[in-house]
């Protein structure tokens, strides 16, 4: 007889096995989150970079259309650049 192994969690240890199962599940979730963070950092994806690039494009367009003076353009460009 197998002491209810399929129903008792980790190795048939009852409550202790359920705790180990829970810890194992939490470790898998944490590992998945860390993997996603690592992959995002490795690819260099940044929302801030895309936003500042687009902002500079808009600023250049406004300057080209004559909506801004050179002084205004330079001041705004300084504010946008990190």
PDB file of N, CA and C in Angstrom:
ATOM      1  N   UNK A   1       0.847  -1.185   0.000  1.00  0.00           N
ATOM      2  CA  UNK A   1       0.000   0.000   0.000  1.00  0.00           C
ATOM      3  C   UNK A   1       0.887   1.240   0.000  1.00  0.00           C
ATOM      4  N   UNK A   2       0.435   2.314  -0.713  1.00  0.00           N
ATOM      5  CA  UNK A   2       1.309   3.461  -0.939  1.00  0.00           C
ATOM      6  C   UNK A   2       0.961   4.663  -0.062  1.00  0.00           C
ATOM      7  N   UNK A   3       0.268   4.546   0.960  1.00  0.00           N
ATOM      8  CA  UNK A   3      -0.029   5.609   1.908  1.00  0.00           C
ATOM      9  C   UNK A   3      -0.665   6.839   1.265  1.00  0.00           C
ATOM     10  N   UNK A   4      -1.395   6.673   0.211  1.00  0.00           N
ATOM     11  CA  UNK A   4      -2.097   7.800  -0.407  1.00  0.00           C
ATOM     12  C   UNK A   4      -1.178   8.766  -1.130  1.00  0.00           C
ATOM     13  N   UNK A   5      -0.089   8.262  -1.688  1.00  0.00           N
ATOM     14  CA  UNK A   5       0.921   9.113  -2.307  1.00  0.00           C
ATOM     15  C   UNK A   5       0.386  10.103  -3.345  1.00  0.00           C
ATOM     16  N   UNK A   6      -0.459   9.707  -4.298  1.00  0.00           N
ATOM     17  CA  UNK A   6      -0.904  10.695  -5.292  1.00  0.00           C
ATOM     18  C   UNK A   6      -1.723  11.838  -4.696  1.00  0.00           C
ATOM     19  N   UNK A   7      -2.343  11.642  -3.569  1.00  0.00           N
ATOM     20  CA  UNK A   7      -3.223  12.656  -2.998  1.00  0.00           C
ATOM     21  C   UNK A   7      -2.564  13.478  -1.896  1.00  0.00           C
ATOM     22  N   UNK A   8      -1.391  13.103  -1.468  1.00  0.00           N
ATOM     23  CA  UNK A   8      -0.831  13.716  -0.275  1.00  0.00           C
ATOM     24  C   UNK A   8       0.253  14.747  -0.567  1.00  0.00           C
ATOM     25  N   UNK A   9       0.492  15.082  -1.807  1.00  0.00           N
ATOM     26  CA  UNK A   9       1.492  16.102  -2.089  1.00  0.00           C
ATOM     27  C   UNK A   9       2.858  15.492  -2.310  1.00  0.00           C
ATOM     28  N   UNK A  10       3.884  16.125  -1.809  1.00  0.00           N
ATOM     29  CA  UNK A  10       5.275  15.761  -2.046  1.00  0.00           C
ATOM     30  C   UNK A  10       5.647  14.482  -1.306  1.00  0.00           C
ATOM     31  N   UNK A  11       5.689  13.373  -2.019  1.00  0.00           N
ATOM     32  CA  UNK A  11       6.150  12.122  -1.440  1.00  0.00           C
ATOM     33  C   UNK A  11       5.250  11.526  -0.374  1.00  0.00           C
ATOM     34  N   UNK A  12       4.042  11.967  -0.261  1.00  0.00           N
ATOM     35  CA  UNK A  12       3.133  11.387   0.715  1.00  0.00           C
ATOM     36  C   UNK A  12       3.358  11.857   2.134  1.00  0.00           C
ATOM     37  N   UNK A  13       3.927  13.017   2.323  1.00  0.00           N
ATOM     38  CA  UNK A  13       4.203  13.515   3.662  1.00  0.00           C
ATOM     39  C   UNK A  13       3.096  14.411   4.205  1.00  0.00           C
ATOM     40  N   UNK A  14       1.967  14.439   3.572  1.00  0.00           N
ATOM     41  CA  UNK A  14       0.826  15.201   4.080  1.00  0.00           C
ATOM     42  C   UNK A  14       1.051  16.694   4.038  1.00  0.00           C
ATOM     43  N   UNK A  15       0.859  17.360   5.171  1.00  0.00           N
ATOM     44  CA  UNK A  15       0.967  18.814   5.265  1.00  0.00           C
ATOM     45  C   UNK A  15       2.339  19.332   4.912  1.00  0.00           C
ATOM     46  N   UNK A  16       3.376  18.605   5.295  1.00  0.00           N
ATOM     47  CA  UNK A  16       4.746  19.026   4.982  1.00  0.00           C
ATOM     48  C   UNK A  16       4.954  18.993   3.474  1.00  0.00           C
ATOM     49  N   UNK A  17       4.439  17.952   2.833  1.00  0.00           N
ATOM     50  CA  UNK A  17       4.560  17.851   1.383  1.00  0.00           C
ATOM     51  C   UNK A  17       3.858  18.994   0.674  1.00  0.00           C
ATOM     52  N   UNK A  18       2.720  19.413   1.195  1.00  0.00           N
ATOM     53  CA  UNK A  18       1.999  20.528   0.591  1.00  0.00           C
ATOM     54  C   UNK A  18       2.805  21.817   0.714  1.00  0.00           C
ATOM     55  N   UNK A  19       3.500  21.973   1.821  1.00  0.00           N
ATOM     56  CA  UNK A  19       4.349  23.150   2.009  1.00  0.00           C
ATOM     57  C   UNK A  19       5.479  23.138   0.984  1.00  0.00           C
ATOM     58  N   UNK A  20       6.112  21.962   0.797  1.00  0.00           N
ATOM     59  CA  UNK A  20       7.173  21.853  -0.196  1.00  0.00           C
ATOM     60  C   UNK A  20       6.642  22.128  -1.599  1.00  0.00           C
ATOM     61  N   UNK A  21       5.451  21.631  -1.893  1.00  0.00           N
ATOM     62  CA  UNK A  21       4.837  21.892  -3.196  1.00  0.00           C
ATOM     63  C   UNK A  21       4.621  23.384  -3.407  1.00  0.00           C
ATOM     64  N   UNK A  22       4.138  24.062  -2.376  1.00  0.00           N
ATOM     65  CA  UNK A  22       3.895  25.493  -2.465  1.00  0.00           C
ATOM     66  C   UNK A  22       5.205  26.256  -2.670  1.00  0.00           C
ATOM     67  N   UNK A  23       6.234  25.905  -1.891  1.00  0.00           N
ATOM     68  CA  UNK A  23       7.537  26.560  -2.021  1.00  0.00           C
ATOM     69  C   UNK A  23       8.098  26.337  -3.421  1.00  0.00           C
ATOM     70  N   UNK A  24       7.969  25.118  -3.933  1.00  0.00           N
ATOM     71  CA  UNK A  24       8.451  24.805  -5.270  1.00  0.00           C
ATOM     72  C   UNK A  24       7.728  25.653  -6.312  1.00  0.00           C
ATOM     73  N   UNK A  25       6.417  25.790  -6.182  1.00  0.00           N
ATOM     74  CA  UNK A  25       5.630  26.611  -7.103  1.00  0.00           C
ATOM     75  C   UNK A  25       6.071  28.071  -7.045  1.00  0.00           C
ATOM     76  N   UNK A  26       6.266  28.601  -5.846  1.00  0.00           N
ATOM     77  CA  UNK A  26       6.696  29.996  -5.686  1.00  0.00           C
ATOM     78  C   UNK A  26       8.067  30.199  -6.324  1.00  0.00           C
ATOM     79  N   UNK A  27       8.978  29.243  -6.148  1.00  0.00           N
ATOM     80  CA  UNK A  27      10.308  29.348  -6.750  1.00  0.00           C
ATOM     81  C   UNK A  27      10.228  29.342  -8.275  1.00  0.00           C
ATOM     82  N   UNK A  28       9.339  28.547  -8.831  1.00  0.00           N
ATOM     83  CA  UNK A  28       9.171  28.531 -10.283  1.00  0.00           C
ATOM     84  C   UNK A  28       8.647  29.876 -10.778  1.00  0.00           C
ATOM     85  N   UNK A  29       7.681  30.455 -10.096  1.00  0.00           N
ATOM     86  CA  UNK A  29       7.128  31.757 -10.488  1.00  0.00           C
ATOM     87  C   UNK A  29       8.200  32.841 -10.394  1.00  0.00           C
ATOM     88  N   UNK A  30       8.962  32.842  -9.304  1.00  0.00           N
ATOM     89  CA  UNK A  30      10.029  33.834  -9.139  1.00  0.00           C
ATOM     90  C   UNK A  30      11.074  33.661 -10.240  1.00  0.00           C
ATOM     91  N   UNK A  31      11.426  32.411 -10.538  1.00  0.00           N
ATOM     92  CA  UNK A  31      12.386  32.144 -11.604  1.00  0.00           C
ATOM     93  C   UNK A  31      11.902  32.659 -12.949  1.00  0.00           C
ATOM     94  N   UNK A  32      10.616  32.476 -13.238  1.00  0.00           N
ATOM     95  CA  UNK A  32      10.050  32.951 -14.498  1.00  0.00           C
ATOM     96  C   UNK A  32      10.100  34.476 -14.565  1.00  0.00           C
ATOM     97  N   UNK A  33       9.784  35.146 -13.475  1.00  0.00           N
ATOM     98  CA  UNK A  33       9.828  36.605 -13.433  1.00  0.00           C
ATOM     99  C   UNK A  33      11.255  37.108 -13.628  1.00  0.00           C
ATOM    100  N   UNK A  34      12.218  36.476 -12.956  1.00  0.00           N
ATOM    101  CA  UNK A  34      13.612  36.884 -13.102  1.00  0.00           C
ATOM    102  C   UNK A  34      14.108  36.653 -14.530  1.00  0.00           C
ATOM    103  N   UNK A  35      13.672  35.579 -15.155  1.00  0.00           N
ATOM    104  CA  UNK A  35      14.051  35.298 -16.529  1.00  0.00           C
ATOM    105  C   UNK A  35      13.519  36.384 -17.468  1.00  0.00           C
ATOM    106  N   UNK A  36      12.278  36.783 -17.270  1.00  0.00           N
ATOM    107  CA  UNK A  36      11.678  37.832 -18.101  1.00  0.00           C
ATOM    108  C   UNK A  36      12.422  39.151 -17.912  1.00  0.00           C
ATOM    109  N   UNK A  37      12.722  39.507 -16.667  1.00  0.00           N
ATOM    110  CA  UNK A  37      13.454  40.751 -16.395  1.00  0.00           C
ATOM    111  C   UNK A  37      14.828  40.705 -17.045  1.00  0.00           C
ATOM    112  N   UNK A  38      15.519  39.572 -16.930  1.00  0.00           N
ATOM    113  CA  UNK A  38      16.849  39.429 -17.524  1.00  0.00           C
ATOM    114  C   UNK A  38      16.790  39.575 -19.041  1.00  0.00           C
ATOM    115  N   UNK A  39      15.794  38.951 -19.664  1.00  0.00           N
ATOM    116  CA  UNK A  39      15.667  39.036 -21.117  1.00  0.00           C
ATOM    117  C   UNK A  39      15.370  40.459 -21.572  1.00  0.00           C
ATOM    118  N   UNK A  40      14.527  41.166 -20.836  1.00  0.00           N
ATOM    119  CA  UNK A  40      14.193  42.551 -21.199  1.00  0.00           C
ATOM    120  C   UNK A  40      15.430  43.430 -21.076  1.00  0.00           C
ATOM    121  N   UNK A  41      16.191  43.246 -20.015  1.00  0.00           N
ATOM    122  CA  UNK A  41      17.405  44.056 -19.842  1.00  0.00           C
ATOM    123  C   UNK A  41      18.448  43.714 -20.895  1.00  0.00           C
ATOM    124  N   UNK A  42      18.544  42.447 -21.268  1.00  0.00           N
ATOM    125  CA  UNK A  42      19.532  42.014 -22.254  1.00  0.00           C
ATOM    126  C   UNK A  42      19.238  42.616 -23.624  1.00  0.00           C
ATOM    127  N   UNK A  43      17.967  42.725 -23.968  1.00  0.00           N
ATOM    128  CA  UNK A  43      17.611  43.294 -25.270  1.00  0.00           C
ATOM    129  C   UNK A  43      17.739  44.809 -25.280  1.00  0.00           C
ATOM    130  N   UNK A  44      17.803  45.435 -24.117  1.00  0.00           N
ATOM    131  CA  UNK A  44      17.974  46.881 -24.044  1.00  0.00           C
ATOM    132  C   UNK A  44      16.712  47.657 -24.330  1.00  0.00           C
ATOM    133  N   UNK A  45      15.564  47.008 -24.240  1.00  0.00           N
ATOM    134  CA  UNK A  45      14.303  47.682 -24.507  1.00  0.00           C
ATOM    135  C   UNK A  45      14.004  48.669 -23.391  1.00  0.00           C
ATOM    136  N   UNK A  46      13.677  49.885 -23.772  1.00  0.00           N
ATOM    137  CA  UNK A  46      13.358  50.911 -22.783  1.00  0.00           C
ATOM    138  C   UNK A  46      12.281  51.829 -23.343  1.00  0.00           C
ATOM    139  N   UNK A  47      11.227  51.977 -22.592  1.00  0.00           N
ATOM    140  CA  UNK A  47      10.144  52.869 -23.001  1.00  0.00           C
ATOM    141  C   UNK A  47      10.623  54.312 -22.968  1.00  0.00           C
ATOM    142  N   UNK A  48      11.469  54.661 -22.006  1.00  0.00           N
ATOM    143  CA  UNK A  48      11.963  56.034 -21.881  1.00  0.00           C
ATOM    144  C   UNK A  48      12.781  56.432 -23.104  1.00  0.00           C
ATOM    145  N   UNK A  49      13.596  55.517 -23.622  1.00  0.00           N
ATOM    146  CA  UNK A  49      14.394  55.829 -24.807  1.00  0.00           C
ATOM    147  C   UNK A  49      13.503  56.140 -25.997  1.00  0.00           C
ATOM    148  N   UNK A  50      12.481  55.346 -26.207  1.00  0.00           N
ATOM    149  CA  UNK A  50      11.581  55.565 -27.334  1.00  0.00           C
ATOM    150  C   UNK A  50      10.814  56.874 -27.178  1.00  0.00           C
ATOM    151  N   UNK A  51      10.424  57.199 -25.944  1.00  0.00           N
ATOM    152  CA  UNK A  51       9.684  58.428 -25.691  1.00  0.00           C
ATOM    153  C   UNK A  51      10.557  59.644 -25.955  1.00  0.00           C
ATOM    154  N   UNK A  52      11.796  59.628 -25.455  1.00  0.00           N
ATOM    155  CA  UNK A  52      12.660  60.787 -25.653  1.00  0.00           C
ATOM    156  C   UNK A  52      13.047  60.939 -27.116  1.00  0.00           C
ATOM    157  N   UNK A  53      13.227  59.819 -27.828  1.00  0.00           N
ATOM    158  CA  UNK A  53      13.537  59.895 -29.252  1.00  0.00           C
ATOM    159  C   UNK A  53      12.382  60.532 -30.011  1.00  0.00           C
ATOM    160  N   UNK A  54      11.179  60.110 -29.720  1.00  0.00           N
ATOM    161  CA  UNK A  54      10.003  60.674 -30.394  1.00  0.00           C
ATOM    162  C   UNK A  54       9.844  62.154 -30.047  1.00  0.00           C
ATOM    163  N   UNK A  55      10.126  62.515 -28.801  1.00  0.00           N
ATOM    164  CA  UNK A  55      10.014  63.914 -28.388  1.00  0.00           C
ATOM    165  C   UNK A  55      10.994  64.790 -29.167  1.00  0.00           C
ATOM    166  N   UNK A  56      12.205  64.292 -29.361  1.00  0.00           N
ATOM    167  CA  UNK A  56      13.189  65.053 -30.141  1.00  0.00           C
ATOM    168  C   UNK A  56      12.761  65.187 -31.599  1.00  0.00           C
ATOM    169  N   UNK A  57      12.164  64.141 -32.139  1.00  0.00           N
ATOM    170  CA  UNK A  57      11.669  64.203 -33.514  1.00  0.00           C
ATOM    171  C   UNK A  57      10.602  65.290 -33.651  1.00  0.00           C
ATOM    172  N   UNK A  58       9.682  65.330 -32.708  1.00  0.00           N
ATOM    173  CA  UNK A  58       8.614  66.348 -32.738  1.00  0.00           C
ATOM    174  C   UNK A  58       9.219  67.743 -32.613  1.00  0.00           C
ATOM    175  N   UNK A  59      10.210  67.875 -31.715  1.00  0.00           N
ATOM    176  CA  UNK A  59      10.859  69.170 -31.527  1.00  0.00           C
ATOM    177  C   UNK A  59      11.537  69.621 -32.813  1.00  0.00           C
ATOM    178  N   UNK A  60      12.237  68.706 -33.475  1.00  0.00           N
ATOM    179  CA  UNK A  60      12.895  69.042 -34.742  1.00  0.00           C
ATOM    180  C   UNK A  60      11.879  69.443 -35.813  1.00  0.00           C
ATOM    181  N   UNK A  61      10.751  68.738 -35.855  1.00  0.00           N
ATOM    182  CA  UNK A  61       9.699  69.070 -36.820  1.00  0.00           C
ATOM    183  C   UNK A  61       9.148  70.469 -36.575  1.00  0.00           C
ATOM    184  N   UNK A  62       8.925  70.786 -35.304  1.00  0.00           N
ATOM    185  CA  UNK A  62       8.392  72.115 -34.973  1.00  0.00           C
ATOM    186  C   UNK A  62       9.384  73.206 -35.331  1.00  0.00           C
ATOM    187  N   UNK A  63      10.675  72.937 -35.107  1.00  0.00           N
ATOM    188  CA  UNK A  63      11.713  73.916 -35.468  1.00  0.00           C
ATOM    189  C   UNK A  63      11.789  74.078 -36.985  1.00  0.00           C
ATOM    190  N   UNK A  64      11.681  72.977 -37.693  1.00  0.00           N
ATOM    191  CA  UNK A  64      11.739  73.017 -39.166  1.00  0.00           C
ATOM    192  C   UNK A  64      10.545  73.772 -39.748  1.00  0.00           C
ATOM    193  N   UNK A  65       9.393  73.677 -39.101  1.00  0.00           N
ATOM    194  CA  UNK A  65       8.200  74.387 -39.583  1.00  0.00           C
ATOM    195  C   UNK A  65       8.236  75.879 -39.244  1.00  0.00           C
ATOM    196  N   UNK A  66       9.183  76.273 -38.390  1.00  0.00           N
ATOM    197  CA  UNK A  66       9.282  77.678 -38.007  1.00  0.00           C
ATOM    198  C   UNK A  66       8.442  78.031 -36.800  1.00  0.00           C
ATOM    199  N   UNK A  67       7.923  77.031 -36.094  1.00  0.00           N
ATOM    200  CA  UNK A  67       7.103  77.296 -34.905  1.00  0.00           C
ATOM    201  C   UNK A  67       7.957  77.724 -33.713  1.00  0.00           C
ATOM    202  N   UNK A  68       9.263  77.395 -33.744  1.00  0.00           N
ATOM    203  CA  UNK A  68      10.154  77.712 -32.634  1.00  0.00           C
ATOM    204  C   UNK A  68      11.348  78.514 -33.142  1.00  0.00           C
ATOM    205  N   UNK A  69      11.830  79.409 -32.285  1.00  0.00           N
ATOM    206  CA  UNK A  69      13.079  80.089 -32.608  1.00  0.00           C
ATOM    207  C   UNK A  69      14.232  79.155 -32.266  1.00  0.00           C
ATOM    208  N   UNK A  70      15.423  79.531 -32.714  1.00  0.00           N
ATOM    209  CA  UNK A  70      16.590  78.695 -32.416  1.00  0.00           C
ATOM    210  C   UNK A  70      16.831  78.614 -30.913  1.00  0.00           C
ATOM    211  N   UNK A  71      16.638  79.709 -30.204  1.00  0.00           N
ATOM    212  CA  UNK A  71      16.823  79.718 -28.746  1.00  0.00           C
ATOM    213  C   UNK A  71      15.832  78.782 -28.064  1.00  0.00           C
ATOM    214  N   UNK A  72      14.571  78.858 -28.475  1.00  0.00           N
ATOM    215  CA  UNK A  72      13.560  77.972 -27.896  1.00  0.00           C
ATOM    216  C   UNK A  72      13.911  76.505 -28.175  1.00  0.00           C
ATOM    217  N   UNK A  73      14.326  76.248 -29.414  1.00  0.00           N
ATOM    218  CA  UNK A  73      14.690  74.886 -29.801  1.00  0.00           C
ATOM    219  C   UNK A  73      15.842  74.369 -28.935  1.00  0.00           C
ATOM    220  N   UNK A  74      16.889  75.168 -28.779  1.00  0.00           N
ATOM    221  CA  UNK A  74      18.050  74.742 -27.990  1.00  0.00           C
ATOM    222  C   UNK A  74      17.679  74.518 -26.524  1.00  0.00           C
ATOM    223  N   UNK A  75      16.862  75.401 -25.959  1.00  0.00           N
ATOM    224  CA  UNK A  75      16.440  75.253 -24.557  1.00  0.00           C
ATOM    225  C   UNK A  75      15.620  73.977 -24.359  1.00  0.00           C
ATOM    226  N   UNK A  76      14.685  73.742 -25.255  1.00  0.00           N
ATOM    227  CA  UNK A  76      13.845  72.538 -25.137  1.00  0.00           C
ATOM    228  C   UNK A  76      14.667  71.273 -25.360  1.00  0.00           C
ATOM    229  N   UNK A  77      15.612  71.349 -26.271  1.00  0.00           N
ATOM    230  CA  UNK A  77      16.469  70.190 -26.534  1.00  0.00           C
ATOM    231  C   UNK A  77      17.292  69.843 -25.304  1.00  0.00           C
ATOM    232  N   UNK A  78      17.821  70.869 -24.618  1.00  0.00           N
ATOM    233  CA  UNK A  78      18.581  70.634 -23.378  1.00  0.00           C
ATOM    234  C   UNK A  78      17.724  69.953 -22.308  1.00  0.00           C
ATOM    235  N   UNK A  79      16.469  70.367 -22.229  1.00  0.00           N
ATOM    236  CA  UNK A  79      15.551  69.766 -21.237  1.00  0.00           C
ATOM    237  C   UNK A  79      15.243  68.307 -21.551  1.00  0.00           C
ATOM    238  N   UNK A  80      15.166  67.985 -22.838  1.00  0.00           N
ATOM    239  CA  UNK A  80      14.817  66.617 -23.226  1.00  0.00           C
ATOM    240  C   UNK A  80      16.005  65.653 -23.146  1.00  0.00           C
ATOM    241  N   UNK A  81      17.198  66.168 -23.339  1.00  0.00           N
ATOM    242  CA  UNK A  81      18.366  65.300 -23.319  1.00  0.00           C
ATOM    243  C   UNK A  81      18.747  64.968 -21.880  1.00  0.00           C
ATOM    244  N   UNK A  82      19.058  63.694 -21.621  1.00  0.00           N
ATOM    245  CA  UNK A  82      19.412  63.305 -20.238  1.00  0.00           C
ATOM    246  C   UNK A  82      20.781  63.800 -19.828  1.00  0.00           C
TER     247      UNK A  82
END
